[in-house]
Amino acid sequence: MVSLASLGRWAKRKEIILLLLIILIGAVLRVYDLGAESIWLDEAYGIRVSAEGVTTIIKEAGPTQIIPPFYFVTLHYWMNLFGTSEVATRSLSAIFGIISILLIY
């Protein structure tokens, strides 16, 4: 005989497996062909701003931009680690997008 506790555990496992599958599909869709297109104007602006020092980033991106300076500061350090290629700069946004799947859940 199947108990309610075992059904609850199975449902929880099934939910976790489904969530992991959704995250995996989201990751593949975000990473697939990441460097195929050339850099767009807004990406070029973000790379240019992020190449500056942190104080310059906060001054330039703070009051006038829709995107908060946190992204540009994070991209600044990301570019120091991984470079300024299309894949390197776009991968930070892809990682944030993958994490957002879990946060939305």
PDB file of N, CA and C in Angstrom:
ATOM      1  N   MET A   1       0.836  -1.182   0.000  1.00  0.00           N
ATOM      2  CA  MET A   1       0.000   0.000   0.000  1.00  0.00           C
ATOM      3  C   MET A   1       0.882   1.247   0.000  1.00  0.00           C
ATOM      4  N   VAL A   2       0.491   2.226  -0.759  1.00  0.00           N
ATOM      5  CA  VAL A   2       1.245   3.465  -0.887  1.00  0.00           C
ATOM      6  C   VAL A   2       0.737   4.450   0.153  1.00  0.00           C
ATOM      7  N   SER A   3       1.673   5.013   0.914  1.00  0.00           N
ATOM      8  CA  SER A   3       1.287   5.964   1.953  1.00  0.00           C
ATOM      9  C   SER A   3       1.293   7.391   1.388  1.00  0.00           C
ATOM     10  N   LEU A   4       0.632   8.274   2.109  1.00  0.00           N
ATOM     11  CA  LEU A   4       0.596   9.672   1.696  1.00  0.00           C
ATOM     12  C   LEU A   4       1.981  10.312   1.778  1.00  0.00           C
ATOM     13  N   ALA A   5       2.782   9.885   2.736  1.00  0.00           N
ATOM     14  CA  ALA A   5       4.133  10.437   2.881  1.00  0.00           C
ATOM     15  C   ALA A   5       4.996  10.097   1.664  1.00  0.00           C
ATOM     16  N   SER A   6       4.888   8.852   1.181  1.00  0.00           N
ATOM     17  CA  SER A   6       5.686   8.466   0.015  1.00  0.00           C
ATOM     18  C   SER A   6       5.207   9.189  -1.239  1.00  0.00           C
ATOM     19  N   LEU A   7       3.907   9.432  -1.355  1.00  0.00           N
ATOM     20  CA  LEU A   7       3.386  10.206  -2.480  1.00  0.00           C
ATOM     21  C   LEU A   7       3.876  11.644  -2.428  1.00  0.00           C
ATOM     22  N   GLY A   8       3.944  12.196  -1.217  1.00  0.00           N
ATOM     23  CA  GLY A   8       4.440  13.565  -1.047  1.00  0.00           C
ATOM     24  C   GLY A   8       5.902  13.680  -1.426  1.00  0.00           C
ATOM     25  N   ARG A   9       6.699  12.681  -1.035  1.00  0.00           N
ATOM     26  CA  ARG A   9       8.119  12.689  -1.397  1.00  0.00           C
ATOM     27  C   ARG A   9       8.292  12.562  -2.905  1.00  0.00           C
ATOM     28  N   TRP A  10       7.513  11.701  -3.532  1.00  0.00           N
ATOM     29  CA  TRP A  10       7.595  11.532  -4.986  1.00  0.00           C
ATOM     30  C   TRP A  10       7.202  12.821  -5.699  1.00  0.00           C
ATOM     31  N   ALA A  11       6.158  13.483  -5.213  1.00  0.00           N
ATOM     32  CA  ALA A  11       5.729  14.742  -5.828  1.00  0.00           C
ATOM     33  C   ALA A  11       6.816  15.802  -5.688  1.00  0.00           C
ATOM     34  N   LYS A  12       7.478  15.847  -4.537  1.00  0.00           N
ATOM     35  CA  LYS A  12       8.549  16.814  -4.318  1.00  0.00           C
ATOM     36  C   LYS A  12       9.739  16.514  -5.243  1.00  0.00           C
ATOM     37  N   ARG A  13      10.106  15.249  -5.374  1.00  0.00           N
ATOM     38  CA  ARG A  13      11.190  14.868  -6.289  1.00  0.00           C
ATOM     39  C   ARG A  13      10.838  15.220  -7.733  1.00  0.00           C
ATOM     40  N   LYS A  14       9.605  14.940  -8.098  1.00  0.00           N
ATOM     41  CA  LYS A  14       9.148  15.238  -9.452  1.00  0.00           C
ATOM     42  C   LYS A  14       9.214  16.746  -9.719  1.00  0.00           C
ATOM     43  N   GLU A  15       8.837  17.538  -8.725  1.00  0.00           N
ATOM     44  CA  GLU A  15       8.891  18.992  -8.852  1.00  0.00           C
ATOM     45  C   GLU A  15      10.331  19.481  -9.008  1.00  0.00           C
ATOM     46  N   ILE A  16      11.255  18.933  -8.239  1.00  0.00           N
ATOM     47  CA  ILE A  16      12.665  19.319  -8.323  1.00  0.00           C
ATOM     48  C   ILE A  16      13.251  18.912  -9.673  1.00  0.00           C
ATOM     49  N   ILE A  17      12.934  17.714 -10.138  1.00  0.00           N
ATOM     50  CA  ILE A  17      13.419  17.250 -11.438  1.00  0.00           C
ATOM     51  C   ILE A  17      12.884  18.139 -12.552  1.00  0.00           C
ATOM     52  N   LEU A  18      11.616  18.502 -12.478  1.00  0.00           N
ATOM     53  CA  LEU A  18      11.018  19.374 -13.489  1.00  0.00           C
ATOM     54  C   LEU A  18      11.677  20.752 -13.469  1.00  0.00           C
ATOM     55  N   LEU A  19      11.924  21.291 -12.280  1.00  0.00           N
ATOM     56  CA  LEU A  19      12.588  22.589 -12.161  1.00  0.00           C
ATOM     57  C   LEU A  19      13.997  22.535 -12.750  1.00  0.00           C
ATOM     58  N   LEU A  20      14.745  21.489 -12.456  1.00  0.00           N
ATOM     59  CA  LEU A  20      16.090  21.346 -13.008  1.00  0.00           C
ATOM     60  C   LEU A  20      16.059  21.222 -14.531  1.00  0.00           C
ATOM     61  N   LEU A  21      15.059  20.527 -15.050  1.00  0.00           N
ATOM     62  CA  LEU A  21      14.904  20.399 -16.492  1.00  0.00           C
ATOM     63  C   LEU A  21      14.602  21.754 -17.134  1.00  0.00           C
ATOM     64  N   ILE A  22      13.752  22.535 -16.507  1.00  0.00           N
ATOM     65  CA  ILE A  22      13.426  23.874 -17.017  1.00  0.00           C
ATOM     66  C   ILE A  22      14.662  24.767 -16.992  1.00  0.00           C
ATOM     67  N   ILE A  23      15.441  24.698 -15.899  1.00  0.00           N
ATOM     68  CA  ILE A  23      16.670  25.488 -15.808  1.00  0.00           C
ATOM     69  C   ILE A  23      17.657  25.057 -16.890  1.00  0.00           C
ATOM     70  N   LEU A  24      17.776  23.755 -17.115  1.00  0.00           N
ATOM     71  CA  LEU A  24      18.683  23.252 -18.147  1.00  0.00           C
ATOM     72  C   LEU A  24      18.275  23.725 -19.534  1.00  0.00           C
ATOM     73  N   ILE A  25      16.992  23.645 -19.849  1.00  0.00           N
ATOM     74  CA  ILE A  25      16.500  24.113 -21.145  1.00  0.00           C
ATOM     75  C   ILE A  25      16.725  25.618 -21.282  1.00  0.00           C
ATOM     76  N   GLY A  26      16.448  26.368 -20.214  1.00  0.00           N
ATOM     77  CA  GLY A  26      16.693  27.815 -20.236  1.00  0.00           C
ATOM     78  C   GLY A  26      18.155  28.146 -20.436  1.00  0.00           C
ATOM     79  N   ALA A  27      19.041  27.365 -19.812  1.00  0.00           N
ATOM     80  CA  ALA A  27      20.484  27.596 -19.963  1.00  0.00           C
ATOM     81  C   ALA A  27      20.927  27.319 -21.396  1.00  0.00           C
ATOM     82  N   VAL A  28      20.446  26.237 -21.964  1.00  0.00           N
ATOM     83  CA  VAL A  28      20.823  25.904 -23.341  1.00  0.00           C
ATOM     84  C   VAL A  28      20.334  26.984 -24.300  1.00  0.00           C
ATOM     85  N   LEU A  29      19.111  27.461 -24.113  1.00  0.00           N
ATOM     86  CA  LEU A  29      18.570  28.491 -24.998  1.00  0.00           C
ATOM     87  C   LEU A  29      19.316  29.817 -24.856  1.00  0.00           C
ATOM     88  N   ARG A  30      19.801  30.121 -23.664  1.00  0.00           N
ATOM     89  CA  ARG A  30      20.529  31.371 -23.461  1.00  0.00           C
ATOM     90  C   ARG A  30      21.960  31.308 -23.985  1.00  0.00           C
ATOM     91  N   VAL A  31      22.579  30.139 -23.922  1.00  0.00           N
ATOM     92  CA  VAL A  31      23.980  30.004 -24.290  1.00  0.00           C
ATOM     93  C   VAL A  31      24.151  29.638 -25.764  1.00  0.00           C
ATOM     94  N   TYR A  32      23.155  29.016 -26.349  1.00  0.00           N
ATOM     95  CA  TYR A  32      23.250  28.568 -27.741  1.00  0.00           C
ATOM     96  C   TYR A  32      23.526  29.758 -28.662  1.00  0.00           C
ATOM     97  N   ASP A  33      24.568  29.656 -29.452  1.00  0.00           N
ATOM     98  CA  ASP A  33      24.918  30.651 -30.464  1.00  0.00           C
ATOM     99  C   ASP A  33      25.124  32.049 -29.875  1.00  0.00           C
ATOM    100  N   LEU A  34      25.731  32.115 -28.712  1.00  0.00           N
ATOM    101  CA  LEU A  34      25.894  33.362 -27.970  1.00  0.00           C
ATOM    102  C   LEU A  34      26.744  34.382 -28.722  1.00  0.00           C
ATOM    103  N   GLY A  35      27.723  33.935 -29.457  1.00  0.00           N
ATOM    104  CA  GLY A  35      28.611  34.864 -30.144  1.00  0.00           C
ATOM    105  C   GLY A  35      28.353  34.998 -31.629  1.00  0.00           C
ATOM    106  N   ALA A  36      27.200  34.548 -32.108  1.00  0.00           N
ATOM    107  CA  ALA A  36      26.935  34.546 -33.549  1.00  0.00           C
ATOM    108  C   ALA A  36      26.747  35.952 -34.113  1.00  0.00           C
ATOM    109  N   GLU A  37      26.029  36.783 -33.419  1.00  0.00           N
ATOM    110  CA  GLU A  37      25.771  38.144 -33.892  1.00  0.00           C
ATOM    111  C   GLU A  37      26.886  39.075 -33.426  1.00  0.00           C
ATOM    112  N   SER A  38      27.116  40.129 -34.190  1.00  0.00           N
ATOM    113  CA  SER A  38      28.100  41.115 -33.762  1.00  0.00           C
ATOM    114  C   SER A  38      27.506  41.945 -32.618  1.00  0.00           C
ATOM    115  N   ILE A  39      28.353  42.727 -31.999  1.00  0.00           N
ATOM    116  CA  ILE A  39      27.935  43.543 -30.850  1.00  0.00           C
ATOM    117  C   ILE A  39      26.947  44.613 -31.312  1.00  0.00           C
ATOM    118  N   TRP A  40      25.850  44.767 -30.572  1.00  0.00           N
ATOM    119  CA  TRP A  40      24.851  45.781 -30.882  1.00  0.00           C
ATOM    120  C   TRP A  40      25.256  47.095 -30.221  1.00  0.00           C
ATOM    121  N   LEU A  41      24.563  48.159 -30.558  1.00  0.00           N
ATOM    122  CA  LEU A  41      24.920  49.482 -30.068  1.00  0.00           C
ATOM    123  C   LEU A  41      24.840  49.565 -28.544  1.00  0.00           C
ATOM    124  N   ASP A  42      23.767  49.044 -27.952  1.00  0.00           N
ATOM    125  CA  ASP A  42      23.633  49.107 -26.496  1.00  0.00           C
ATOM    126  C   ASP A  42      24.688  48.246 -25.802  1.00  0.00           C
ATOM    127  N   GLU A  43      25.062  47.131 -26.411  1.00  0.00           N
ATOM    128  CA  GLU A  43      26.126  46.298 -25.848  1.00  0.00           C
ATOM    129  C   GLU A  43      27.468  47.005 -25.941  1.00  0.00           C
ATOM    130  N   ALA A  44      27.717  47.686 -27.063  1.00  0.00           N
ATOM    131  CA  ALA A  44      28.964  48.431 -27.230  1.00  0.00           C
ATOM    132  C   ALA A  44      29.058  49.543 -26.186  1.00  0.00           C
ATOM    133  N   TYR A  45      27.931  50.205 -25.929  1.00  0.00           N
ATOM    134  CA  TYR A  45      27.912  51.247 -24.897  1.00  0.00           C
ATOM    135  C   TYR A  45      28.231  50.643 -23.526  1.00  0.00           C
ATOM    136  N   GLY A  46      27.619  49.508 -23.214  1.00  0.00           N
ATOM    137  CA  GLY A  46      27.875  48.855 -21.930  1.00  0.00           C
ATOM    138  C   GLY A  46      29.324  48.422 -21.781  1.00  0.00           C
ATOM    139  N   ILE A  47      29.914  47.930 -22.854  1.00  0.00           N
ATOM    140  CA  ILE A  47      31.322  47.522 -22.814  1.00  0.00           C
ATOM    141  C   ILE A  47      32.217  48.736 -22.635  1.00  0.00           C
ATOM    142  N   ARG A  48      31.880  49.829 -23.326  1.00  0.00           N
ATOM    143  CA  ARG A  48      32.688  51.040 -23.202  1.00  0.00           C
ATOM    144  C   ARG A  48      32.618  51.600 -21.789  1.00  0.00           C
ATOM    145  N   VAL A  49      31.416  51.679 -21.233  1.00  0.00           N
ATOM    146  CA  VAL A  49      31.262  52.201 -19.875  1.00  0.00           C
ATOM    147  C   VAL A  49      31.957  51.283 -18.882  1.00  0.00           C
ATOM    148  N   SER A  50      31.810  49.987 -19.053  1.00  0.00           N
ATOM    149  CA  SER A  50      32.382  49.021 -18.105  1.00  0.00           C
ATOM    150  C   SER A  50      33.901  48.950 -18.188  1.00  0.00           C
ATOM    151  N   ALA A  51      34.483  49.419 -19.271  1.00  0.00           N
ATOM    152  CA  ALA A  51      35.936  49.418 -19.399  1.00  0.00           C
ATOM    153  C   ALA A  51      36.576  50.523 -18.570  1.00  0.00           C
ATOM    154  N   GLU A  52      35.786  51.493 -18.138  1.00  0.00           N
ATOM    155  CA  GLU A  52      36.292  52.600 -17.318  1.00  0.00           C
ATOM    156  C   GLU A  52      36.481  52.127 -15.877  1.00  0.00           C
ATOM    157  N   GLY A  53      36.941  53.025 -15.030  1.00  0.00           N
ATOM    158  CA  GLY A  53      37.068  52.727 -13.605  1.00  0.00           C
ATOM    159  C   GLY A  53      35.706  52.713 -12.935  1.00  0.00           C
ATOM    160  N   VAL A  54      35.639  52.164 -11.752  1.00  0.00           N
ATOM    161  CA  VAL A  54      34.363  52.016 -11.042  1.00  0.00           C
ATOM    162  C   VAL A  54      33.740  53.375 -10.730  1.00  0.00           C
ATOM    163  N   THR A  55      34.534  54.356 -10.326  1.00  0.00           N
ATOM    164  CA  THR A  55      33.959  55.676 -10.025  1.00  0.00           C
ATOM    165  C   THR A  55      33.385  56.326 -11.275  1.00  0.00           C
ATOM    166  N   THR A  56      34.042  56.162 -12.411  1.00  0.00           N
ATOM    167  CA  THR A  56      33.522  56.696 -13.665  1.00  0.00           C
ATOM    168  C   THR A  56      32.238  55.977 -14.071  1.00  0.00           C
ATOM    169  N   ILE A  57      32.195  54.684 -13.832  1.00  0.00           N
ATOM    170  CA  ILE A  57      30.981  53.919 -14.148  1.00  0.00           C
ATOM    171  C   ILE A  57      29.812  54.452 -13.339  1.00  0.00           C
ATOM    172  N   ILE A  58      30.016  54.664 -12.063  1.00  0.00           N
ATOM    173  CA  ILE A  58      28.925  55.136 -11.197  1.00  0.00           C
ATOM    174  C   ILE A  58      28.492  56.535 -11.606  1.00  0.00           C
ATOM    175  N   LYS A  59      29.447  57.398 -11.951  1.00  0.00           N
ATOM    176  CA  LYS A  59      29.094  58.758 -12.383  1.00  0.00           C
ATOM    177  C   LYS A  59      28.322  58.741 -13.692  1.00  0.00           C
ATOM    178  N   GLU A  60      28.774  57.940 -14.657  1.00  0.00           N
ATOM    179  CA  GLU A  60      28.166  57.954 -15.985  1.00  0.00           C
ATOM    180  C   GLU A  60      26.876  57.148 -16.058  1.00  0.00           C
ATOM    181  N   ALA A  61      26.808  56.041 -15.361  1.00  0.00           N
ATOM    182  CA  ALA A  61      25.646  55.160 -15.487  1.00  0.00           C
ATOM    183  C   ALA A  61      24.593  55.429 -14.425  1.00  0.00           C
ATOM    184  N   GLY A  62      24.941  56.105 -13.378  1.00  0.00           N
ATOM    185  CA  GLY A  62      24.017  56.283 -12.267  1.00  0.00           C
ATOM    186  C   GLY A  62      22.729  56.998 -12.593  1.00  0.00           C
ATOM    187  N   PRO A  63      22.751  58.331 -12.714  1.00  0.00           N
ATOM    188  CA  PRO A  63      21.487  59.069 -12.800  1.00  0.00           C
ATOM    189  C   PRO A  63      20.845  59.080 -14.178  1.00  0.00           C
ATOM    190  N   THR A  64      21.581  58.792 -15.226  1.00  0.00           N
ATOM    191  CA  THR A  64      21.041  58.988 -16.569  1.00  0.00           C
ATOM    192  C   THR A  64      20.591  57.711 -17.261  1.00  0.00           C
ATOM    193  N   GLN A  65      20.883  56.558 -16.720  1.00  0.00           N
ATOM    194  CA  GLN A  65      20.604  55.310 -17.405  1.00  0.00           C
ATOM    195  C   GLN A  65      19.468  54.544 -16.742  1.00  0.00           C
ATOM    196  N   ILE A  66      18.816  53.724 -17.538  1.00  0.00           N
ATOM    197  CA  ILE A  66      17.771  52.841 -17.035  1.00  0.00           C
ATOM    198  C   ILE A  66      18.409  51.682 -16.272  1.00  0.00           C
ATOM    199  N   ILE A  67      19.541  51.215 -16.779  1.00  0.00           N
ATOM    200  CA  ILE A  67      20.235  50.093 -16.146  1.00  0.00           C
ATOM    201  C   ILE A  67      21.037  50.625 -14.972  1.00  0.00           C
ATOM    202  N   PRO A  68      20.859  50.058 -13.785  1.00  0.00           N
ATOM    203  CA  PRO A  68      21.609  50.533 -12.618  1.00  0.00           C
ATOM    204  C   PRO A  68      23.106  50.289 -12.774  1.00  0.00           C
ATOM    205  N   PRO A  69      23.939  51.051 -12.057  1.00  0.00           N
ATOM    206  CA  PRO A  69      25.388  50.901 -12.172  1.00  0.00           C
ATOM    207  C   PRO A  69      25.890  49.528 -11.747  1.00  0.00           C
ATOM    208  N   PHE A  70      25.118  48.802 -10.958  1.00  0.00           N
ATOM    209  CA  PHE A  70      25.558  47.479 -10.501  1.00  0.00           C
ATOM    210  C   PHE A  70      25.921  46.577 -11.680  1.00  0.00           C
ATOM    211  N   TYR A  71      25.122  46.608 -12.729  1.00  0.00           N
ATOM    212  CA  TYR A  71      25.399  45.766 -13.893  1.00  0.00           C
ATOM    213  C   TYR A  71      26.724  46.152 -14.536  1.00  0.00           C
ATOM    214  N   PHE A  72      26.948  47.457 -14.725  1.00  0.00           N
ATOM    215  CA  PHE A  72      28.173  47.906 -15.367  1.00  0.00           C
ATOM    216  C   PHE A  72      29.405  47.614 -14.509  1.00  0.00           C
ATOM    217  N   VAL A  73      29.280  47.759 -13.199  1.00  0.00           N
ATOM    218  CA  VAL A  73      30.398  47.443 -12.300  1.00  0.00           C
ATOM    219  C   VAL A  73      30.689  45.950 -12.351  1.00  0.00           C
ATOM    220  N   THR A  74      29.647  45.130 -12.314  1.00  0.00           N
ATOM    221  CA  THR A  74      29.828  43.682 -12.405  1.00  0.00           C
ATOM    222  C   THR A  74      30.456  43.305 -13.740  1.00  0.00           C
ATOM    223  N   LEU A  75      29.986  43.933 -14.826  1.00  0.00           N
ATOM    224  CA  LEU A  75      30.555  43.677 -16.151  1.00  0.00           C
ATOM    225  C   LEU A  75      32.017  44.123 -16.212  1.00  0.00           C
ATOM    226  N   HIS A  76      32.358  45.179 -15.510  1.00  0.00           N
ATOM    227  CA  HIS A  76      33.743  45.660 -15.462  1.00  0.00           C
ATOM    228  C   HIS A  76      34.666  44.551 -14.943  1.00  0.00           C
ATOM    229  N   TYR A  77      34.314  43.975 -13.806  1.00  0.00           N
ATOM    230  CA  TYR A  77      35.146  42.915 -13.233  1.00  0.00           C
ATOM    231  C   TYR A  77      35.080  41.632 -14.066  1.00  0.00           C
ATOM    232  N   TRP A  78      33.913  41.365 -14.661  1.00  0.00           N
ATOM    233  CA  TRP A  78      33.740  40.196 -15.532  1.00  0.00           C
ATOM    234  C   TRP A  78      34.672  40.290 -16.740  1.00  0.00           C
ATOM    235  N   MET A  79      34.738  41.489 -17.329  1.00  0.00           N
ATOM    236  CA  MET A  79      35.610  41.693 -18.491  1.00  0.00           C
ATOM    237  C   MET A  79      37.083  41.600 -18.098  1.00  0.00           C
ATOM    238  N   ASN A  80      37.410  41.990 -16.876  1.00  0.00           N
ATOM    239  CA  ASN A  80      38.792  41.822 -16.414  1.00  0.00           C
ATOM    240  C   ASN A  80      39.165  40.345 -16.340  1.00  0.00           C
ATOM    241  N   LEU A  81      38.195  39.497 -16.003  1.00  0.00           N
ATOM    242  CA  LEU A  81      38.458  38.060 -15.896  1.00  0.00           C
ATOM    243  C   LEU A  81      38.403  37.341 -17.240  1.00  0.00           C
ATOM    244  N   PHE A  82      37.411  37.671 -18.083  1.00  0.00           N
ATOM    245  CA  PHE A  82      37.133  36.862 -19.269  1.00  0.00           C
ATOM    246  C   PHE A  82      37.334  37.574 -20.602  1.00  0.00           C
ATOM    247  N   GLY A  83      37.619  38.861 -20.607  1.00  0.00           N
ATOM    248  CA  GLY A  83      37.874  39.568 -21.850  1.00  0.00           C
ATOM    249  C   GLY A  83      36.653  40.314 -22.368  1.00  0.00           C
ATOM    250  N   THR A  84      36.791  40.857 -23.582  1.00  0.00           N
ATOM    251  CA  THR A  84      35.742  41.708 -24.143  1.00  0.00           C
ATOM    252  C   THR A  84      35.132  41.148 -25.434  1.00  0.00           C
ATOM    253  N   SER A  85      35.263  39.867 -25.666  1.00  0.00           N
ATOM    254  CA  SER A  85      34.656  39.282 -26.868  1.00  0.00           C
ATOM    255  C   SER A  85      33.135  39.227 -26.717  1.00  0.00           C
ATOM    256  N   GLU A  86      32.455  38.925 -27.812  1.00  0.00           N
ATOM    257  CA  GLU A  86      30.992  38.835 -27.768  1.00  0.00           C
ATOM    258  C   GLU A  86      30.530  37.803 -26.747  1.00  0.00           C
ATOM    259  N   VAL A  87      31.139  36.636 -26.800  1.00  0.00           N
ATOM    260  CA  VAL A  87      30.735  35.551 -25.892  1.00  0.00           C
ATOM    261  C   VAL A  87      31.040  35.919 -24.445  1.00  0.00           C
ATOM    262  N   ALA A  88      32.204  36.495 -24.203  1.00  0.00           N
ATOM    263  CA  ALA A  88      32.606  36.830 -22.835  1.00  0.00           C
ATOM    264  C   ALA A  88      31.671  37.863 -22.224  1.00  0.00           C
ATOM    265  N   THR A  89      31.356  38.915 -22.960  1.00  0.00           N
ATOM    266  CA  THR A  89      30.520  39.969 -22.393  1.00  0.00           C
ATOM    267  C   THR A  89      29.049  39.552 -22.291  1.00  0.00           C
ATOM    268  N   ARG A  90      28.577  38.760 -23.235  1.00  0.00           N
ATOM    269  CA  ARG A  90      27.181  38.323 -23.189  1.00  0.00           C
ATOM    270  C   ARG A  90      26.947  37.200 -22.181  1.00  0.00           C
ATOM    271  N   SER A  91      27.986  36.484 -21.823  1.00  0.00           N
ATOM    272  CA  SER A  91      27.803  35.363 -20.900  1.00  0.00           C
ATOM    273  C   SER A  91      27.377  35.826 -19.507  1.00  0.00           C
ATOM    274  N   LEU A  92      27.770  37.030 -19.094  1.00  0.00           N
ATOM    275  CA  LEU A  92      27.314  37.541 -17.792  1.00  0.00           C
ATOM    276  C   LEU A  92      25.794  37.693 -17.789  1.00  0.00           C
ATOM    277  N   SER A  93      25.243  38.270 -18.843  1.00  0.00           N
ATOM    278  CA  SER A  93      23.785  38.409 -18.940  1.00  0.00           C
ATOM    279  C   SER A  93      23.105  37.048 -19.030  1.00  0.00           C
ATOM    280  N   ALA A  94      23.737  36.103 -19.711  1.00  0.00           N
ATOM    281  CA  ALA A  94      23.173  34.753 -19.800  1.00  0.00           C
ATOM    282  C   ALA A  94      23.116  34.105 -18.420  1.00  0.00           C
ATOM    283  N   ILE A  95      24.163  34.289 -17.630  1.00  0.00           N
ATOM    284  CA  ILE A  95      24.172  33.728 -16.270  1.00  0.00           C
ATOM    285  C   ILE A  95      23.088  34.373 -15.415  1.00  0.00           C
ATOM    286  N   PHE A  96      22.954  35.706 -15.519  1.00  0.00           N
ATOM    287  CA  PHE A  96      21.877  36.376 -14.786  1.00  0.00           C
ATOM    288  C   PHE A  96      20.509  35.857 -15.236  1.00  0.00           C
ATOM    289  N   GLY A  97      20.353  35.589 -16.527  1.00  0.00           N
ATOM    290  CA  GLY A  97      19.090  35.046 -17.037  1.00  0.00           C
ATOM    291  C   GLY A  97      18.803  33.657 -16.517  1.00  0.00           C
ATOM    292  N   ILE A  98      19.828  32.829 -16.413  1.00  0.00           N
ATOM    293  CA  ILE A  98      19.651  31.470 -15.882  1.00  0.00           C
ATOM    294  C   ILE A  98      19.278  31.524 -14.406  1.00  0.00           C
ATOM    295  N   ILE A  99      19.939  32.385 -13.662  1.00  0.00           N
ATOM    296  CA  ILE A  99      19.624  32.535 -12.233  1.00  0.00           C
ATOM    297  C   ILE A  99      18.194  33.057 -12.057  1.00  0.00           C
ATOM    298  N   SER A 100      17.742  33.906 -12.980  1.00  0.00           N
ATOM    299  CA  SER A 100      16.390  34.474 -12.868  1.00  0.00           C
ATOM    300  C   SER A 100      15.312  33.398 -12.984  1.00  0.00           C
ATOM    301  N   ILE A 101      15.585  32.312 -13.696  1.00  0.00           N
ATOM    302  CA  ILE A 101      14.617  31.217 -13.790  1.00  0.00           C
ATOM    303  C   ILE A 101      14.337  30.659 -12.399  1.00  0.00           C
ATOM    304  N   LEU A 102      15.409  30.423 -11.653  1.00  0.00           N
ATOM    305  CA  LEU A 102      15.252  29.912 -10.292  1.00  0.00           C
ATOM    306  C   LEU A 102      14.567  30.928  -9.394  1.00  0.00           C
ATOM    307  N   LEU A 103      14.919  32.203  -9.513  1.00  0.00           N
ATOM    308  CA  LEU A 103      14.312  33.229  -8.679  1.00  0.00           C
ATOM    309  C   LEU A 103      12.827  33.414  -8.988  1.00  0.00           C
ATOM    310  N   ILE A 104      12.471  33.299 -10.250  1.00  0.00           N
ATOM    311  CA  ILE A 104      11.055  33.421 -10.631  1.00  0.00           C
ATOM    312  C   ILE A 104      10.261  32.246 -10.078  1.00  0.00           C
ATOM    313  N   TYR A 105      10.877  31.067 -10.029  1.00  0.00           N
ATOM    314  CA  TYR A 105      10.191  29.917  -9.475  1.00  0.00           C
ATOM    315  C   TYR A 105       9.837  30.180  -8.026  1.00  0.00           C
TER     316      TYR A 105
END
